[in-house]
Amino acid sequence: MALPGLLLVPLAASAANAPARIVDCSGAAPWCFSPNPIPITVGSTVTWTNNTGPRHTASSDTGAWTTGNIAPGGTSAAVAFPTAGTFPYHCAIHPSMTGTVIVSAAAAAPSSAPVRRLASGGGGPQLPIGAALLLLGVGLLATRGVRRDRPHRAGEGIDKLPHQ
């Protein structure tokens, strides 16, 4: 049960800051934002790195935030997204460069241990329980065989004589 929790910790930590890049494009516009859209969770931040020759910005379409000029090879300050929603942005220098940040609500952390369920399709117990039951059955069969093969003691199990 602890293993799934340990696996989620790196995912939650990586969601805290999402890196984005400004790259050369093969389409009509010579530059673009990547990835586009940028999926993050509430409370995460985004930084943009300029991997092209000219300066660029990442500026909210509503004017709520801007990175300011990002020099070639430079990285912007982190922009925080405290609420869920879809936030379109553009380069103030090159208006044909557009992108979107999609902020989803953060998943609530479980308050107690997860409930164990039947295997997919309801086909019976999960592997550890099934393996334990199988070992228990083999152990019972083995002890039954040992009891049958042991020599009888005097007066034990003799109800009838063989010729009766």
N, C-alpha and C. Protein backbone atom coordinates (compact mmCIF):
# COMPACT_ATOMS: atom_id res chain seq x y z
N MET A 1 0.81 -1.19 0.00
CA MET A 1 0.00 0.00 0.00
C MET A 1 0.86 1.25 0.00
N ALA A 2 2.03 1.19 0.59
CA ALA A 2 2.90 2.35 0.63
C ALA A 2 3.51 2.63 -0.73
N LEU A 3 3.70 1.60 -1.55
CA LEU A 3 4.33 1.79 -2.85
C LEU A 3 3.57 2.75 -3.74
N PRO A 4 2.24 2.63 -3.90
CA PRO A 4 1.54 3.63 -4.72
C PRO A 4 1.73 5.04 -4.20
N GLY A 5 1.74 5.22 -2.89
CA GLY A 5 1.95 6.54 -2.33
C GLY A 5 3.33 7.08 -2.66
N LEU A 6 4.34 6.21 -2.60
CA LEU A 6 5.70 6.63 -2.95
C LEU A 6 5.81 6.99 -4.42
N LEU A 7 5.05 6.30 -5.27
CA LEU A 7 5.09 6.60 -6.69
C LEU A 7 4.42 7.93 -7.00
N LEU A 8 3.42 8.33 -6.20
CA LEU A 8 2.72 9.58 -6.44
C LEU A 8 3.53 10.79 -6.00
N VAL A 9 4.43 10.63 -5.06
CA VAL A 9 5.21 11.76 -4.57
C VAL A 9 6.02 12.40 -5.68
N PRO A 10 6.78 11.65 -6.51
CA PRO A 10 7.51 12.31 -7.59
C PRO A 10 6.57 12.97 -8.59
N LEU A 11 5.40 12.39 -8.84
CA LEU A 11 4.47 13.00 -9.78
C LEU A 11 3.96 14.33 -9.25
N ALA A 12 3.64 14.38 -7.97
CA ALA A 12 3.16 15.61 -7.38
C ALA A 12 4.26 16.67 -7.40
N ALA A 13 5.49 16.26 -7.11
CA ALA A 13 6.60 17.20 -7.11
C ALA A 13 6.86 17.74 -8.50
N SER A 14 6.77 16.89 -9.52
CA SER A 14 7.04 17.35 -10.88
C SER A 14 5.93 18.25 -11.38
N ALA A 15 4.71 18.15 -10.81
CA ALA A 15 3.61 18.99 -11.24
C ALA A 15 3.75 20.40 -10.68
N ALA A 16 4.65 20.61 -9.72
CA ALA A 16 4.81 21.91 -9.09
C ALA A 16 5.37 22.95 -10.07
N ASN A 17 6.22 22.54 -11.01
CA ASN A 17 6.76 23.47 -12.00
C ASN A 17 6.80 22.78 -13.35
N ALA A 18 6.08 23.33 -14.31
CA ALA A 18 6.04 22.75 -15.65
C ALA A 18 6.91 23.58 -16.58
N PRO A 19 7.94 22.97 -17.15
CA PRO A 19 8.77 23.72 -18.09
C PRO A 19 8.13 23.77 -19.47
N ALA A 20 8.21 24.92 -20.11
CA ALA A 20 7.74 25.08 -21.49
C ALA A 20 8.89 25.66 -22.29
N ARG A 21 8.83 25.46 -23.60
CA ARG A 21 9.92 25.96 -24.45
C ARG A 21 9.35 26.81 -25.57
N ILE A 22 10.16 27.71 -26.04
CA ILE A 22 9.87 28.45 -27.26
C ILE A 22 10.83 27.87 -28.29
N VAL A 23 10.27 27.30 -29.36
CA VAL A 23 11.08 26.55 -30.31
C VAL A 23 10.81 27.01 -31.74
N ASP A 24 11.71 26.61 -32.65
CA ASP A 24 11.49 26.82 -34.08
C ASP A 24 10.42 25.85 -34.54
N CYS A 25 9.48 26.33 -35.35
CA CYS A 25 8.36 25.51 -35.82
C CYS A 25 8.53 25.18 -37.29
N SER A 26 7.87 24.13 -37.71
CA SER A 26 7.91 23.76 -39.13
C SER A 26 6.67 24.25 -39.85
N GLY A 27 5.75 24.96 -39.16
CA GLY A 27 4.52 25.43 -39.77
C GLY A 27 4.69 26.82 -40.36
N ALA A 28 3.55 27.52 -40.53
CA ALA A 28 3.55 28.86 -41.12
C ALA A 28 4.29 29.86 -40.23
N ALA A 29 4.10 29.75 -38.91
CA ALA A 29 4.82 30.64 -37.99
C ALA A 29 6.22 30.07 -37.75
N PRO A 30 7.23 30.96 -37.72
CA PRO A 30 8.60 30.43 -37.55
C PRO A 30 8.89 29.95 -36.13
N TRP A 31 8.12 30.42 -35.12
CA TRP A 31 8.36 30.03 -33.73
C TRP A 31 7.05 29.61 -33.08
N CYS A 32 7.15 28.77 -32.05
CA CYS A 32 5.94 28.35 -31.34
C CYS A 32 6.29 27.95 -29.91
N PHE A 33 5.23 27.79 -29.11
CA PHE A 33 5.36 27.34 -27.72
C PHE A 33 5.20 25.82 -27.68
N SER A 34 5.99 25.17 -26.84
CA SER A 34 5.90 23.72 -26.73
C SER A 34 6.11 23.32 -25.27
N PRO A 35 5.25 22.49 -24.69
CA PRO A 35 4.07 21.88 -25.30
C PRO A 35 2.94 22.90 -25.39
N ASN A 36 1.99 22.59 -26.19
CA ASN A 36 0.83 23.44 -26.36
C ASN A 36 -0.40 22.57 -26.58
N PRO A 37 -1.29 22.51 -25.65
CA PRO A 37 -1.39 23.25 -24.40
C PRO A 37 -0.46 22.69 -23.32
N ILE A 38 -0.31 23.48 -22.26
CA ILE A 38 0.49 23.07 -21.10
C ILE A 38 -0.48 22.61 -20.02
N PRO A 39 -0.54 21.31 -19.71
CA PRO A 39 -1.45 20.84 -18.66
C PRO A 39 -0.78 20.86 -17.29
N ILE A 40 -1.40 21.54 -16.32
CA ILE A 40 -0.87 21.59 -14.96
C ILE A 40 -2.02 21.49 -13.96
N THR A 41 -1.69 21.41 -12.68
CA THR A 41 -2.71 21.40 -11.63
C THR A 41 -2.66 22.72 -10.87
N VAL A 42 -3.75 23.01 -10.16
CA VAL A 42 -3.86 24.25 -9.38
C VAL A 42 -2.66 24.39 -8.45
N GLY A 43 -2.10 25.60 -8.42
CA GLY A 43 -0.95 25.87 -7.56
C GLY A 43 0.39 25.65 -8.23
N SER A 44 0.39 25.08 -9.43
CA SER A 44 1.64 24.84 -10.14
C SER A 44 2.12 26.12 -10.82
N THR A 45 3.37 26.09 -11.25
CA THR A 45 3.95 27.22 -11.97
C THR A 45 4.45 26.75 -13.32
N VAL A 46 4.64 27.71 -14.22
CA VAL A 46 5.19 27.43 -15.55
C VAL A 46 6.35 28.38 -15.79
N THR A 47 7.45 27.85 -16.34
CA THR A 47 8.56 28.68 -16.80
C THR A 47 8.76 28.41 -18.28
N TRP A 48 9.12 29.44 -19.04
CA TRP A 48 9.37 29.30 -20.47
C TRP A 48 10.85 29.52 -20.75
N THR A 49 11.44 28.64 -21.57
CA THR A 49 12.84 28.77 -21.98
C THR A 49 12.85 29.08 -23.48
N ASN A 50 13.60 30.10 -23.87
CA ASN A 50 13.68 30.52 -25.26
C ASN A 50 14.80 29.74 -25.97
N ASN A 51 14.42 28.81 -26.83
CA ASN A 51 15.41 28.03 -27.58
C ASN A 51 15.57 28.54 -29.01
N THR A 52 15.26 29.82 -29.25
CA THR A 52 15.38 30.39 -30.60
C THR A 52 16.32 31.60 -30.58
N GLY A 53 16.50 32.22 -31.74
CA GLY A 53 17.39 33.38 -31.86
C GLY A 53 16.82 34.68 -31.35
N PRO A 54 15.59 35.06 -31.71
CA PRO A 54 15.08 36.37 -31.24
C PRO A 54 14.48 36.30 -29.84
N ARG A 55 14.24 37.49 -29.27
CA ARG A 55 13.57 37.59 -27.97
C ARG A 55 12.08 37.26 -28.14
N HIS A 56 11.47 36.73 -27.05
CA HIS A 56 10.05 36.42 -27.04
C HIS A 56 9.49 36.73 -25.67
N THR A 57 8.17 36.71 -25.56
CA THR A 57 7.48 36.80 -24.28
C THR A 57 6.42 35.70 -24.23
N ALA A 58 5.90 35.46 -23.07
CA ALA A 58 4.68 34.68 -22.89
C ALA A 58 3.78 35.59 -22.07
N SER A 59 2.72 36.10 -22.70
CA SER A 59 1.87 37.12 -22.08
C SER A 59 0.42 36.67 -22.11
N SER A 60 -0.25 36.78 -20.97
CA SER A 60 -1.65 36.42 -20.86
C SER A 60 -2.48 37.24 -21.83
N ASP A 61 -3.46 36.62 -22.49
CA ASP A 61 -4.36 37.35 -23.40
C ASP A 61 -5.19 38.38 -22.64
N THR A 62 -5.40 38.17 -21.34
CA THR A 62 -6.20 39.11 -20.55
C THR A 62 -5.33 40.16 -19.85
N GLY A 63 -4.01 40.05 -19.98
CA GLY A 63 -3.12 40.99 -19.33
C GLY A 63 -2.85 40.66 -17.87
N ALA A 64 -3.28 39.48 -17.41
CA ALA A 64 -3.11 39.10 -16.01
C ALA A 64 -1.66 38.86 -15.64
N TRP A 65 -0.83 38.43 -16.56
CA TRP A 65 0.58 38.15 -16.30
C TRP A 65 1.38 38.22 -17.59
N THR A 66 2.68 38.41 -17.45
CA THR A 66 3.61 38.36 -18.58
C THR A 66 4.98 37.97 -18.05
N THR A 67 5.74 37.31 -18.90
CA THR A 67 7.10 36.93 -18.52
C THR A 67 8.08 38.06 -18.78
N GLY A 68 7.66 39.04 -19.56
CA GLY A 68 8.61 40.05 -20.02
C GLY A 68 9.46 39.42 -21.11
N ASN A 69 10.44 40.17 -21.61
CA ASN A 69 11.30 39.65 -22.68
C ASN A 69 12.16 38.49 -22.17
N ILE A 70 12.19 37.42 -22.98
CA ILE A 70 13.04 36.27 -22.67
C ILE A 70 14.11 36.22 -23.74
N ALA A 71 15.36 36.47 -23.35
CA ALA A 71 16.48 36.49 -24.30
C ALA A 71 16.74 35.09 -24.84
N PRO A 72 17.39 34.97 -26.01
CA PRO A 72 17.76 33.65 -26.53
C PRO A 72 18.57 32.87 -25.49
N GLY A 73 18.14 31.63 -25.22
CA GLY A 73 18.80 30.78 -24.22
C GLY A 73 18.36 31.06 -22.80
N GLY A 74 17.54 32.10 -22.59
CA GLY A 74 17.10 32.47 -21.25
C GLY A 74 15.84 31.75 -20.83
N THR A 75 15.57 31.79 -19.53
CA THR A 75 14.37 31.19 -18.95
C THR A 75 13.64 32.26 -18.16
N SER A 76 12.32 32.27 -18.28
CA SER A 76 11.49 33.26 -17.58
C SER A 76 11.40 32.94 -16.10
N ALA A 77 10.93 33.92 -15.36
CA ALA A 77 10.55 33.66 -13.96
C ALA A 77 9.32 32.77 -13.99
N ALA A 78 9.07 32.07 -12.90
CA ALA A 78 7.91 31.18 -12.81
C ALA A 78 6.63 32.00 -12.72
N VAL A 79 5.63 31.59 -13.48
CA VAL A 79 4.30 32.20 -13.42
C VAL A 79 3.39 31.20 -12.70
N ALA A 80 2.74 31.64 -11.60
CA ALA A 80 1.89 30.77 -10.79
C ALA A 80 0.46 30.79 -11.30
N PHE A 81 -0.21 29.63 -11.18
CA PHE A 81 -1.60 29.48 -11.59
C PHE A 81 -2.38 28.93 -10.39
N PRO A 82 -2.95 29.85 -9.56
CA PRO A 82 -3.62 29.43 -8.33
C PRO A 82 -5.06 28.93 -8.51
N THR A 83 -5.64 29.11 -9.69
CA THR A 83 -7.02 28.68 -9.90
C THR A 83 -7.12 27.81 -11.15
N ALA A 84 -8.14 26.95 -11.16
CA ALA A 84 -8.39 26.09 -12.32
C ALA A 84 -8.97 26.93 -13.46
N GLY A 85 -8.70 26.49 -14.68
CA GLY A 85 -9.26 27.18 -15.84
C GLY A 85 -8.36 27.01 -17.06
N THR A 86 -8.76 27.66 -18.14
CA THR A 86 -7.99 27.65 -19.38
C THR A 86 -7.48 29.07 -19.60
N PHE A 87 -6.17 29.20 -19.77
CA PHE A 87 -5.54 30.52 -19.84
C PHE A 87 -4.76 30.67 -21.15
N PRO A 88 -5.36 31.32 -22.15
CA PRO A 88 -4.65 31.55 -23.42
C PRO A 88 -3.58 32.63 -23.25
N TYR A 89 -2.49 32.49 -23.99
CA TYR A 89 -1.41 33.48 -23.94
C TYR A 89 -0.78 33.61 -25.33
N HIS A 90 0.09 34.59 -25.50
CA HIS A 90 0.73 34.86 -26.78
C HIS A 90 2.08 35.52 -26.54
N CYS A 91 2.85 35.65 -27.61
CA CYS A 91 4.11 36.41 -27.56
C CYS A 91 3.76 37.85 -27.93
N ALA A 92 4.06 38.80 -27.05
CA ALA A 92 3.75 40.20 -27.31
C ALA A 92 4.57 40.75 -28.49
N ILE A 93 5.70 40.16 -28.78
CA ILE A 93 6.55 40.61 -29.89
C ILE A 93 6.10 39.97 -31.20
N HIS A 94 5.66 38.72 -31.16
CA HIS A 94 5.23 37.96 -32.34
C HIS A 94 3.81 37.43 -32.08
N PRO A 95 2.77 38.23 -32.35
CA PRO A 95 1.39 37.88 -31.99
C PRO A 95 0.87 36.57 -32.62
N SER A 96 1.53 36.08 -33.67
CA SER A 96 1.08 34.82 -34.26
C SER A 96 1.47 33.62 -33.38
N MET A 97 2.35 33.83 -32.42
CA MET A 97 2.72 32.78 -31.47
C MET A 97 1.69 32.75 -30.36
N THR A 98 0.94 31.66 -30.26
CA THR A 98 -0.09 31.55 -29.22
C THR A 98 0.04 30.22 -28.50
N GLY A 99 -0.49 30.19 -27.30
CA GLY A 99 -0.48 28.96 -26.52
C GLY A 99 -1.58 29.00 -25.47
N THR A 100 -1.72 27.91 -24.75
CA THR A 100 -2.74 27.81 -23.71
C THR A 100 -2.18 27.03 -22.53
N VAL A 101 -2.50 27.50 -21.33
CA VAL A 101 -2.21 26.76 -20.10
C VAL A 101 -3.55 26.26 -19.59
N ILE A 102 -3.66 24.93 -19.39
CA ILE A 102 -4.89 24.34 -18.86
C ILE A 102 -4.60 23.88 -17.44
N VAL A 103 -5.29 24.51 -16.49
CA VAL A 103 -5.08 24.24 -15.07
C VAL A 103 -6.27 23.45 -14.55
N SER A 104 -6.00 22.24 -14.08
CA SER A 104 -7.06 21.40 -13.52
C SER A 104 -6.97 21.39 -12.01
N ALA A 105 -8.09 21.09 -11.37
CA ALA A 105 -8.12 21.02 -9.91
C ALA A 105 -7.19 19.92 -9.44
N ALA A 106 -6.49 20.17 -8.37
CA ALA A 106 -5.58 19.16 -7.82
C ALA A 106 -6.39 18.01 -7.25
N ALA A 107 -5.89 16.80 -7.42
CA ALA A 107 -6.55 15.62 -6.87
C ALA A 107 -6.39 15.64 -5.36
N ALA A 108 -7.47 15.35 -4.66
CA ALA A 108 -7.43 15.31 -3.20
C ALA A 108 -6.64 14.08 -2.75
N ALA A 109 -5.81 14.26 -1.76
CA ALA A 109 -5.03 13.14 -1.21
C ALA A 109 -5.97 12.25 -0.40
N PRO A 110 -5.82 10.94 -0.52
CA PRO A 110 -6.69 10.06 0.26
C PRO A 110 -6.43 10.24 1.75
N SER A 111 -7.53 10.27 2.54
CA SER A 111 -7.39 10.48 3.98
C SER A 111 -7.13 9.17 4.71
N SER A 112 -7.39 8.04 4.06
CA SER A 112 -7.13 6.75 4.68
C SER A 112 -6.60 5.80 3.62
N ALA A 113 -6.24 4.62 4.06
CA ALA A 113 -5.69 3.63 3.14
C ALA A 113 -6.74 3.27 2.09
N PRO A 114 -6.33 3.02 0.84
CA PRO A 114 -7.29 2.68 -0.19
C PRO A 114 -7.97 1.35 0.09
N VAL A 115 -9.20 1.22 -0.37
CA VAL A 115 -9.97 -0.01 -0.20
C VAL A 115 -9.51 -1.00 -1.25
N ARG A 116 -9.20 -2.23 -0.83
CA ARG A 116 -8.77 -3.26 -1.77
C ARG A 116 -10.01 -3.85 -2.40
N ARG A 117 -9.95 -4.10 -3.70
CA ARG A 117 -11.09 -4.62 -4.43
C ARG A 117 -10.76 -5.95 -5.06
N LEU A 118 -11.78 -6.57 -5.62
CA LEU A 118 -11.57 -7.79 -6.38
C LEU A 118 -10.74 -7.48 -7.61
N ALA A 119 -10.13 -8.50 -8.16
CA ALA A 119 -9.37 -8.33 -9.39
C ALA A 119 -10.29 -7.81 -10.48
N SER A 120 -9.73 -7.19 -11.51
CA SER A 120 -10.55 -6.63 -12.58
C SER A 120 -11.51 -7.68 -13.13
N GLY A 121 -12.73 -7.27 -13.36
CA GLY A 121 -13.74 -8.19 -13.85
C GLY A 121 -14.40 -8.96 -12.72
N GLY A 122 -14.03 -8.70 -11.47
CA GLY A 122 -14.63 -9.39 -10.33
C GLY A 122 -14.28 -10.86 -10.30
N GLY A 123 -13.15 -11.23 -10.88
CA GLY A 123 -12.81 -12.63 -11.02
C GLY A 123 -12.19 -13.28 -9.81
N GLY A 124 -12.25 -12.69 -8.66
CA GLY A 124 -11.72 -13.34 -7.47
C GLY A 124 -10.70 -12.48 -6.78
N PRO A 125 -10.03 -13.04 -5.78
CA PRO A 125 -9.10 -12.25 -4.99
C PRO A 125 -7.86 -11.86 -5.79
N GLN A 126 -7.21 -10.82 -5.31
CA GLN A 126 -5.99 -10.38 -5.96
C GLN A 126 -4.88 -11.38 -5.70
N LEU A 127 -3.80 -11.28 -6.44
CA LEU A 127 -2.73 -12.26 -6.43
C LEU A 127 -2.20 -12.61 -5.04
N PRO A 128 -1.86 -11.65 -4.16
CA PRO A 128 -1.31 -12.05 -2.85
C PRO A 128 -2.30 -12.90 -2.05
N ILE A 129 -3.57 -12.58 -2.09
CA ILE A 129 -4.56 -13.37 -1.34
C ILE A 129 -4.71 -14.73 -1.98
N GLY A 130 -4.78 -14.78 -3.31
CA GLY A 130 -4.90 -16.06 -4.02
C GLY A 130 -3.71 -16.95 -3.76
N ALA A 131 -2.50 -16.38 -3.76
CA ALA A 131 -1.29 -17.16 -3.51
C ALA A 131 -1.29 -17.71 -2.09
N ALA A 132 -1.75 -16.92 -1.12
CA ALA A 132 -1.80 -17.39 0.26
C ALA A 132 -2.79 -18.54 0.41
N LEU A 133 -3.95 -18.42 -0.25
CA LEU A 133 -4.93 -19.51 -0.19
C LEU A 133 -4.40 -20.78 -0.85
N LEU A 134 -3.70 -20.62 -1.96
CA LEU A 134 -3.12 -21.78 -2.65
C LEU A 134 -2.09 -22.47 -1.75
N LEU A 135 -1.22 -21.71 -1.12
CA LEU A 135 -0.22 -22.29 -0.22
C LEU A 135 -0.88 -22.98 0.97
N LEU A 136 -1.94 -22.38 1.50
CA LEU A 136 -2.66 -23.00 2.60
C LEU A 136 -3.24 -24.34 2.17
N GLY A 137 -3.84 -24.40 0.99
CA GLY A 137 -4.41 -25.65 0.47
C GLY A 137 -3.36 -26.72 0.27
N VAL A 138 -2.22 -26.36 -0.30
CA VAL A 138 -1.12 -27.32 -0.51
C VAL A 138 -0.61 -27.82 0.83
N GLY A 139 -0.50 -26.92 1.81
CA GLY A 139 -0.04 -27.32 3.14
C GLY A 139 -1.00 -28.29 3.80
N LEU A 140 -2.31 -28.06 3.66
CA LEU A 140 -3.30 -28.97 4.24
C LEU A 140 -3.25 -30.34 3.57
N LEU A 141 -3.11 -30.36 2.25
CA LEU A 141 -3.01 -31.63 1.55
C LEU A 141 -1.76 -32.39 1.97
N ALA A 142 -0.65 -31.69 2.15
CA ALA A 142 0.59 -32.34 2.56
C ALA A 142 0.47 -32.95 3.95
N THR A 143 -0.15 -32.23 4.87
CA THR A 143 -0.29 -32.79 6.22
C THR A 143 -1.26 -33.97 6.24
N ARG A 144 -2.26 -33.96 5.39
CA ARG A 144 -3.18 -35.09 5.30
C ARG A 144 -2.44 -36.33 4.80
N GLY A 145 -1.57 -36.14 3.80
CA GLY A 145 -0.78 -37.25 3.27
C GLY A 145 0.18 -37.81 4.29
N VAL A 146 0.79 -36.95 5.10
CA VAL A 146 1.72 -37.41 6.15
C VAL A 146 0.96 -38.22 7.19
N ARG A 147 -0.22 -37.79 7.57
CA ARG A 147 -1.01 -38.49 8.58
C ARG A 147 -1.41 -39.88 8.06
N ARG A 148 -1.75 -40.00 6.79
CA ARG A 148 -2.17 -41.26 6.22
C ARG A 148 -1.00 -42.25 6.13
N ASP A 149 0.20 -41.76 5.87
CA ASP A 149 1.35 -42.64 5.67
C ASP A 149 2.08 -43.01 6.95
N ARG A 150 1.75 -42.44 8.07
CA ARG A 150 2.49 -42.75 9.29
C ARG A 150 2.05 -44.11 9.82
N PRO A 151 2.93 -44.82 10.49
CA PRO A 151 2.57 -46.14 11.04
C PRO A 151 1.57 -45.99 12.19
N HIS A 152 0.68 -46.96 12.32
CA HIS A 152 -0.32 -46.94 13.38
C HIS A 152 0.31 -47.44 14.68
N ARG A 153 -0.11 -46.86 15.77
CA ARG A 153 0.34 -47.32 17.08
C ARG A 153 -0.58 -48.44 17.55
N ALA A 154 -0.14 -49.14 18.52
CA ALA A 154 -0.93 -50.27 19.04
C ALA A 154 -2.30 -49.79 19.49
N GLY A 155 -3.34 -50.43 18.98
CA GLY A 155 -4.71 -50.15 19.36
C GLY A 155 -5.31 -48.95 18.66
N GLU A 156 -4.57 -48.27 17.83
CA GLU A 156 -5.08 -47.09 17.17
C GLU A 156 -5.67 -47.47 15.82
N GLY A 157 -6.88 -47.14 15.58
CA GLY A 157 -7.53 -47.33 14.30
C GLY A 157 -7.82 -48.77 13.95
N ILE A 158 -7.78 -49.69 14.91
CA ILE A 158 -8.10 -51.09 14.63
C ILE A 158 -9.49 -51.37 15.14
N ASP A 159 -10.45 -51.36 14.29
CA ASP A 159 -11.83 -51.64 14.68
C ASP A 159 -12.23 -53.05 14.33
N LYS A 160 -11.73 -53.52 13.22
CA LYS A 160 -12.12 -54.85 12.74
C LYS A 160 -10.87 -55.63 12.37
N LEU A 161 -10.97 -56.89 12.49
CA LEU A 161 -9.88 -57.74 12.04
C LEU A 161 -10.02 -57.91 10.54
N PRO A 162 -8.91 -58.14 9.82
CA PRO A 162 -8.98 -58.22 8.37
C PRO A 162 -9.88 -59.33 7.85
N HIS A 163 -10.09 -60.46 8.55
CA HIS A 163 -10.88 -61.58 8.05
C HIS A 163 -12.37 -61.40 8.34
N GLN A 164 -12.80 -60.38 9.03
CA GLN A 164 -14.21 -60.21 9.33
C GLN A 164 -14.94 -59.51 8.22
